[in-house]
Amino acid sequence: MTSRIARGFTLIEVMVTVAIVAIIASIAMPAYTGYIQRGRVPAALDGLNSYYTRMEQRFQDVGNYANAGACAVAYPTADLFTISCTLANAGKEFTAKATGFGKMAGYEYTIDFLGVRRTTAHPKGTPASNCWSTRGKTCDT
């Protein structure tokens, strides 16, 4: 009598393994995607911070933020964000805004002439207090 030694995996073993991998992937992928999204925000916040600093330097030198009715300082660049500025009070006040586009659509951050930071739009909601948030309704520390 000859005996056969079975080698390999049964169909059930393969199906259980595939199911376990699918469950792990369904949990890990949303967390990873959120991590990637949060990683794109600091470029905009750094751009707003540098813009605020340069605008304050302009105000110290000249006494206003305006140049011929427009914001006096050139806008910095930030990946997937457009930075803009609006003036108020005859050039004595400004608000700079970073608005996301493409993969960052739905994100918007501002800083004003007093240095007040706000998250004005975020896919998970905006914080009740003045702050910049990468996670939504909670302020980052």
Protein backbone atom coordinates (compact mmCIF):
# COMPACT_ATOMS: atom_id res chain seq x y z
CA MET A 1 0.00 0.00 0.00
CA THR A 2 1.24 3.43 -0.87
CA SER A 3 0.22 6.45 1.15
CA ARG A 4 -0.10 9.91 -0.27
CA ILE A 5 1.13 12.90 1.70
CA ALA A 6 -0.96 15.93 1.00
CA ARG A 7 0.97 19.14 0.54
CA GLY A 8 -0.38 22.68 0.37
CA PHE A 9 -3.41 24.39 1.83
CA THR A 10 -7.06 23.46 1.68
CA LEU A 11 -9.58 25.78 0.12
CA ILE A 12 -11.05 26.57 3.56
CA GLU A 13 -7.64 27.60 4.92
CA VAL A 14 -7.06 29.91 1.97
CA MET A 15 -10.54 31.46 2.30
CA VAL A 16 -10.08 32.10 6.04
CA THR A 17 -6.72 33.77 5.36
CA VAL A 18 -8.20 35.98 2.65
CA ALA A 19 -11.08 36.95 4.96
CA ILE A 20 -8.68 37.91 7.77
CA VAL A 21 -6.55 40.02 5.41
CA ALA A 22 -9.70 41.75 4.08
CA ILE A 23 -10.89 42.61 7.60
CA ILE A 24 -7.49 44.02 8.56
CA ALA A 25 -7.35 46.07 5.33
CA SER A 26 -10.86 47.46 5.87
CA ILE A 27 -9.76 48.77 9.27
CA ALA A 28 -6.30 50.00 8.27
CA MET A 29 -7.09 51.78 4.99
CA PRO A 30 -9.36 54.54 6.40
CA ALA A 31 -6.85 55.24 9.18
CA TYR A 32 -4.01 55.43 6.67
CA THR A 33 -6.01 57.69 4.35
CA GLY A 34 -6.76 60.06 7.24
CA TYR A 35 -3.10 60.08 8.18
CA ILE A 36 -2.13 61.03 4.61
CA GLN A 37 -4.74 63.83 4.53
CA ARG A 38 -3.55 65.27 7.85
CA GLY A 39 0.00 65.17 6.53
CA ARG A 40 -0.90 67.56 3.70
CA VAL A 41 -2.28 70.31 5.96
CA PRO A 42 0.97 71.63 7.54
CA ALA A 43 2.14 73.08 4.21
CA ALA A 44 -0.86 75.43 4.23
CA LEU A 45 -0.43 76.33 7.89
CA ASP A 46 3.27 77.07 7.39
CA GLY A 47 2.36 79.25 4.41
CA LEU A 48 -0.16 81.20 6.48
CA ASN A 49 2.33 81.64 9.33
CA SER A 50 5.03 82.97 7.01
CA TYR A 51 2.52 85.24 5.28
CA TYR A 52 1.36 86.64 8.62
CA THR A 53 4.98 87.35 9.64
CA ARG A 54 5.77 89.11 6.38
CA MET A 55 2.57 91.16 6.58
CA GLU A 56 3.45 92.25 10.12
CA GLN A 57 6.91 93.28 8.93
CA ARG A 58 5.22 95.32 6.21
CA PHE A 59 2.95 97.00 8.76
CA GLN A 60 5.93 97.88 11.00
CA ASP A 61 7.78 99.41 8.03
CA VAL A 62 4.95 101.30 6.32
CA GLY A 63 1.99 101.50 8.73
CA ASN A 64 -0.49 99.46 6.68
CA TYR A 65 -0.91 96.13 4.92
CA ALA A 66 -2.01 97.56 1.57
CA ASN A 67 -0.24 98.46 -1.63
CA ALA A 68 -2.46 100.16 -4.21
CA GLY A 69 -5.59 98.67 -2.64
CA ALA A 70 -4.32 95.10 -2.55
CA CYS A 71 -2.43 93.06 0.01
CA ALA A 72 1.18 94.24 -0.16
CA VAL A 73 2.96 90.90 0.26
CA ALA A 74 3.14 88.18 -2.41
CA TYR A 75 1.29 84.98 -1.57
CA PRO A 76 3.34 81.94 -0.63
CA THR A 77 2.76 78.62 -2.36
CA ALA A 78 1.47 75.52 -0.60
CA ASP A 79 0.77 72.13 -2.17
CA LEU A 80 -2.96 71.60 -2.82
CA PHE A 81 -3.86 74.96 -1.21
CA THR A 82 -4.47 78.44 -2.59
CA ILE A 83 -3.49 81.29 -0.29
CA SER A 84 -5.30 84.60 -0.60
CA CYS A 85 -5.69 87.82 1.37
CA THR A 86 -8.44 90.38 1.95
CA LEU A 87 -8.03 93.86 3.42
CA ALA A 88 -10.31 95.82 5.72
CA ASN A 89 -10.32 99.18 7.51
CA ALA A 90 -8.43 101.04 4.76
CA GLY A 91 -5.54 98.58 4.76
CA LYS A 92 -5.11 98.53 8.56
CA GLU A 93 -6.49 94.97 8.86
CA PHE A 94 -6.15 91.80 6.81
CA THR A 95 -7.28 88.18 6.77
CA ALA A 96 -5.22 85.55 4.97
CA LYS A 97 -6.93 82.37 3.86
CA ALA A 98 -5.64 78.96 2.72
CA THR A 99 -8.28 77.12 0.69
CA GLY A 100 -7.73 73.49 -0.29
CA PHE A 101 -8.32 72.18 -3.79
CA GLY A 102 -8.11 68.77 -5.44
CA LYS A 103 -7.50 66.11 -2.79
CA MET A 104 -7.72 68.82 -0.08
CA ALA A 105 -11.03 70.32 -1.20
CA GLY A 106 -13.18 71.13 1.81
CA TYR A 107 -10.30 72.37 3.98
CA GLU A 108 -9.96 76.08 4.77
CA TYR A 109 -7.84 77.94 7.31
CA THR A 110 -7.44 81.65 8.12
CA ILE A 111 -5.23 83.96 10.12
CA ASP A 112 -5.97 87.64 10.69
CA PHE A 113 -3.94 90.74 11.52
CA LEU A 114 -4.23 89.95 15.25
CA GLY A 115 -2.78 86.47 14.74
CA VAL A 116 -6.12 84.74 15.41
CA ARG A 117 -6.13 81.32 13.74
CA ARG A 118 -9.35 79.70 12.58
CA THR A 119 -10.34 76.48 10.88
CA THR A 120 -13.23 77.73 8.76
CA ALA A 121 -13.92 74.53 6.82
CA HIS A 122 -13.02 70.89 7.45
CA PRO A 123 -14.71 67.69 6.20
CA LYS A 124 -15.19 66.48 9.79
CA GLY A 125 -16.52 69.81 11.11
CA THR A 126 -14.89 72.89 12.58
CA PRO A 127 -13.81 73.54 16.18
CA ALA A 128 -15.93 75.81 18.36
CA SER A 129 -12.87 77.81 19.43
CA ASN A 130 -10.32 79.72 17.36
CA CYS A 131 -7.56 77.33 16.32
CA TRP A 132 -6.16 75.37 13.43
CA SER A 133 -7.24 71.75 13.37
CA THR A 134 -6.09 68.86 11.22
CA ARG A 135 -8.57 66.41 12.75
CA GLY A 136 -11.79 68.39 12.53
CA LYS A 137 -13.75 69.47 15.59
CA THR A 138 -10.81 69.29 18.02
CA CYS A 139 -8.02 71.85 18.28
CA ASP A 140 -4.47 70.66 17.71
CA THR A 141 -2.07 71.46 20.48
